C-alpha atoms as a PDB file:
ATOM      1  CA  MET A   1       8.211 -17.324   0.223  1.00  0.00           C
ATOM      2  CA  THR A   2       5.662 -15.333   2.188  1.00  0.00           C
ATOM      3  CA  ILE A   3       3.460 -12.935   0.242  1.00  0.00           C
ATOM      4  CA  THR A   4       1.200 -10.367   1.876  1.00  0.00           C
ATOM      5  CA  MET A   5      -1.026  -7.903   0.066  1.00  0.00           C
ATOM      6  CA  TYR A   6      -2.003  -4.713   1.900  1.00  0.00           C
ATOM      7  CA  GLY A   7      -5.027  -2.635   0.982  1.00  0.00           C
ATOM      8  CA  ILE A   8      -8.783  -2.327   1.399  1.00  0.00           C
ATOM      9  CA  THR A   9     -11.366  -4.774   0.105  1.00  0.00           C
ATOM     10  CA  THR A  10     -13.422  -2.182  -1.772  1.00  0.00           C
ATOM     11  CA  CYS A  11     -10.542  -0.962  -3.963  1.00  0.00           C
ATOM     12  CA  ASP A  12     -10.875  -1.904  -7.648  1.00  0.00           C
ATOM     13  CA  THR A  13      -7.107  -2.207  -8.068  1.00  0.00           C
ATOM     14  CA  ILE A  14      -6.952  -4.568  -5.094  1.00  0.00           C
ATOM     15  CA  LYS A  15      -9.672  -6.678  -6.689  1.00  0.00           C
ATOM     16  CA  LYS A  16      -7.683  -6.895  -9.946  1.00  0.00           C
ATOM     17  CA  ALA A  17      -4.475  -7.795  -8.117  1.00  0.00           C
ATOM     18  CA  ARG A  18      -6.229 -10.464  -6.050  1.00  0.00           C
ATOM     19  CA  VAL A  19      -7.770 -12.001  -9.186  1.00  0.00           C
ATOM     20  CA  TRP A  20      -4.339 -12.042 -10.815  1.00  0.00           C
ATOM     21  CA  LEU A  21      -2.688 -13.762  -7.832  1.00  0.00           C
ATOM     22  CA  GLU A  22      -5.498 -16.300  -7.505  1.00  0.00           C
ATOM     23  CA  SER A  23      -5.593 -17.072 -11.238  1.00  0.00           C
ATOM     24  CA  HIS A  24      -1.833 -17.741 -11.099  1.00  0.00           C
ATOM     25  CA  ASP A  25      -2.210 -19.992  -8.021  1.00  0.00           C
ATOM     26  CA  VAL A  26      -0.070 -17.677  -5.900  1.00  0.00           C
ATOM     27  CA  PRO A  27      -0.820 -18.097  -2.189  1.00  0.00           C
ATOM     28  CA  TYR A  28      -0.941 -14.834  -0.260  1.00  0.00           C
ATOM     29  CA  ARG A  29      -2.367 -13.269   2.867  1.00  0.00           C
ATOM     30  CA  PHE A  30      -4.556 -10.178   2.605  1.00  0.00           C
ATOM     31  CA  HIS A  31      -4.142  -7.419   5.194  1.00  0.00           C
ATOM     32  CA  ASP A  32      -7.073  -4.993   5.279  1.00  0.00           C
ATOM     33  CA  TYR A  33      -6.049  -1.524   6.485  1.00  0.00           C
ATOM     34  CA  ARG A  34      -9.569  -0.753   7.643  1.00  0.00           C
ATOM     35  CA  ALA A  35      -9.774  -3.835   9.850  1.00  0.00           C
ATOM     36  CA  GLU A  36      -6.131  -4.191  10.906  1.00  0.00           C
ATOM     37  CA  GLY A  37      -4.536  -0.759  10.462  1.00  0.00           C
ATOM     38  CA  ILE A  38      -0.816  -0.536   9.749  1.00  0.00           C
ATOM     39  CA  GLU A  39       2.137  -0.762  12.133  1.00  0.00           C
ATOM     40  CA  ALA A  40       4.485   2.213  12.349  1.00  0.00           C
ATOM     41  CA  ASP A  41       7.574   0.008  11.940  1.00  0.00           C
ATOM     42  CA  ARG A  42       6.195  -1.655   8.810  1.00  0.00           C
ATOM     43  CA  LEU A  43       5.287   1.710   7.260  1.00  0.00           C
ATOM     44  CA  SER A  44       8.742   3.070   8.094  1.00  0.00           C
ATOM     45  CA  GLY A  45      10.294   0.039   6.422  1.00  0.00           C
ATOM     46  CA  TRP A  46       8.261   0.639   3.264  1.00  0.00           C
ATOM     47  CA  VAL A  47       9.187   4.314   3.257  1.00  0.00           C
ATOM     48  CA  GLY A  48      12.848   3.319   3.559  1.00  0.00           C
ATOM     49  CA  ARG A  49      12.535   0.954   0.571  1.00  0.00           C
ATOM     50  CA  VAL A  50      10.283   2.854  -1.850  1.00  0.00           C
ATOM     51  CA  GLY A  51       9.957   6.393  -0.441  1.00  0.00           C
ATOM     52  CA  TRP A  52       6.999   8.178   1.115  1.00  0.00           C
ATOM     53  CA  GLU A  53       6.226   9.967  -2.151  1.00  0.00           C
ATOM     54  CA  LYS A  54       5.441   6.659  -3.845  1.00  0.00           C
ATOM     55  CA  LEU A  55       3.360   5.396  -0.913  1.00  0.00           C
ATOM     56  CA  LEU A  56       1.225   8.473  -0.235  1.00  0.00           C
ATOM     57  CA  ASN A  57      -1.734   8.476  -2.605  1.00  0.00           C
ATOM     58  CA  LYS A  58      -2.442  12.167  -3.086  1.00  0.00           C
ATOM     59  CA  GLY A  59      -5.277  11.272  -5.454  1.00  0.00           C
ATOM     60  CA  SER A  60      -7.189   9.339  -2.804  1.00  0.00           C
ATOM     61  CA  THR A  61     -10.486  10.673  -1.531  1.00  0.00           C
ATOM     62  CA  THR A  62      -9.104  10.560   2.007  1.00  0.00           C
ATOM     63  CA  PHE A  63      -6.154  12.784   1.097  1.00  0.00           C
ATOM     64  CA  ARG A  64      -8.210  15.204  -0.975  1.00  0.00           C
ATOM     65  CA  GLU A  65     -10.643  15.677   1.922  1.00  0.00           C
ATOM     66  CA  LEU A  66      -7.882  16.666   4.358  1.00  0.00           C
ATOM     67  CA  PRO A  67      -7.775  20.275   5.534  1.00  0.00           C
ATOM     68  CA  GLU A  68      -5.259  22.323   3.546  1.00  0.00           C
ATOM     69  CA  ALA A  69      -3.159  22.760   6.701  1.00  0.00           C
ATOM     70  CA  ASP A  70      -2.626  18.978   6.854  1.00  0.00           C
ATOM     71  CA  LYS A  71      -1.511  18.883   3.210  1.00  0.00           C
ATOM     72  CA  ALA A  72       0.837  21.875   3.506  1.00  0.00           C
ATOM     73  CA  GLY A  73       4.541  21.326   4.071  1.00  0.00           C
ATOM     74  CA  LEU A  74       4.507  17.599   3.423  1.00  0.00           C
ATOM     75  CA  ASP A  75       7.699  15.815   4.311  1.00  0.00           C
ATOM     76  CA  GLU A  76       8.488  12.237   5.287  1.00  0.00           C
ATOM     77  CA  LYS A  77       7.558  12.661   8.954  1.00  0.00           C
ATOM     78  CA  LYS A  78       4.246  14.373   8.236  1.00  0.00           C
ATOM     79  CA  ALA A  79       3.371  11.911   5.447  1.00  0.00           C
ATOM     80  CA  LYS A  80       4.020   8.933   7.735  1.00  0.00           C
ATOM     81  CA  GLN A  81       1.839  10.466  10.461  1.00  0.00           C
ATOM     82  CA  LEU A  82      -0.991  10.982   7.965  1.00  0.00           C
ATOM     83  CA  MET A  83      -0.715   7.431   6.583  1.00  0.00           C
ATOM     84  CA  LEU A  84      -0.645   5.920  10.075  1.00  0.00           C
ATOM     85  CA  ALA A  85      -3.708   7.922  11.106  1.00  0.00           C
ATOM     86  CA  ARG A  86      -5.572   7.164   7.849  1.00  0.00           C
ATOM     87  CA  PRO A  87      -4.094   4.101   6.109  1.00  0.00           C
ATOM     88  CA  THR A  88      -6.522   4.457   3.196  1.00  0.00           C
ATOM     89  CA  MET A  89      -4.117   7.187   1.991  1.00  0.00           C
ATOM     90  CA  ILE A  90      -1.515   4.521   1.244  1.00  0.00           C
ATOM     91  CA  LYS A  91      -1.356   3.696  -2.457  1.00  0.00           C
ATOM     92  CA  ARG A  92      -2.801   0.256  -3.168  1.00  0.00           C
ATOM     93  CA  PRO A  93      -1.919  -2.465  -3.250  1.00  0.00           C
ATOM     94  CA  VAL A  94       1.327  -2.815  -1.371  1.00  0.00           C
ATOM     95  CA  LEU A  95       2.681  -6.296  -1.984  1.00  0.00           C
ATOM     96  CA  GLU A  96       5.362  -7.753   0.265  1.00  0.00           C
ATOM     97  CA  VAL A  97       7.192 -10.667  -1.302  1.00  0.00           C
ATOM     98  CA  GLY A  98       9.748 -11.818   1.227  1.00  0.00           C
ATOM     99  CA  ASP A  99      11.792  -8.691   1.940  1.00  0.00           C
ATOM    100  CA  ARG A 100      10.787  -6.900  -1.285  1.00  0.00           C
ATOM    101  CA  VAL A 101       8.018  -4.297  -1.549  1.00  0.00           C
ATOM    102  CA  PHE A 102       5.940  -3.474  -4.634  1.00  0.00           C
ATOM    103  CA  VAL A 103       3.478  -0.573  -4.801  1.00  0.00           C
ATOM    104  CA  GLY A 104       0.561  -0.586  -7.222  1.00  0.00           C
ATOM    105  CA  PHE A 105      -0.523  -3.357  -9.575  1.00  0.00           C
ATOM    106  CA  LYS A 106       1.098  -4.185 -12.888  1.00  0.00           C
ATOM    107  CA  PRO A 107       0.774  -7.785 -14.077  1.00  0.00           C
ATOM    108  CA  GLU A 108       4.288  -7.825 -15.541  1.00  0.00           C
ATOM    109  CA  VAL A 109       5.774  -6.685 -12.216  1.00  0.00           C
ATOM    110  CA  TYR A 110       3.775  -9.299 -10.305  1.00  0.00           C
ATOM    111  CA  GLU A 111       4.945 -11.958 -12.768  1.00  0.00           C
ATOM    112  CA  GLU A 112       8.577 -11.181 -11.927  1.00  0.00           C
ATOM    113  CA  ALA A 113       7.896 -10.707  -8.216  1.00  0.00           C
ATOM    114  CA  VAL A 114       6.356 -14.125  -7.596  1.00  0.00           C
ATOM    115  CA  LYS A 115       8.822 -16.255  -9.591  1.00  0.00           C
END
């Protein structure tokens, strides 16, 4: 089973999730949005599985600093364009476990996900 965690290294939630995985001896690969970006096809796949509303972190500093015109009239297409242009707007972490996608960090969800 291949596990990949997506996020940024400076995120506190990412740090907690990484500690959890490592303390449970779960091998994973870390994908840093700042260094590697995000592929349009992968983002579209996530949106299809969990929805753009769950992925777009409207509380992020990056989103809050957007001009009001960029935030107005949000729909799936516009949200995907914003997340591709600025991946730090994607809620963190995104954990891919095989073909499943989990957004955010909850130990009980990770426990089930990595069985």
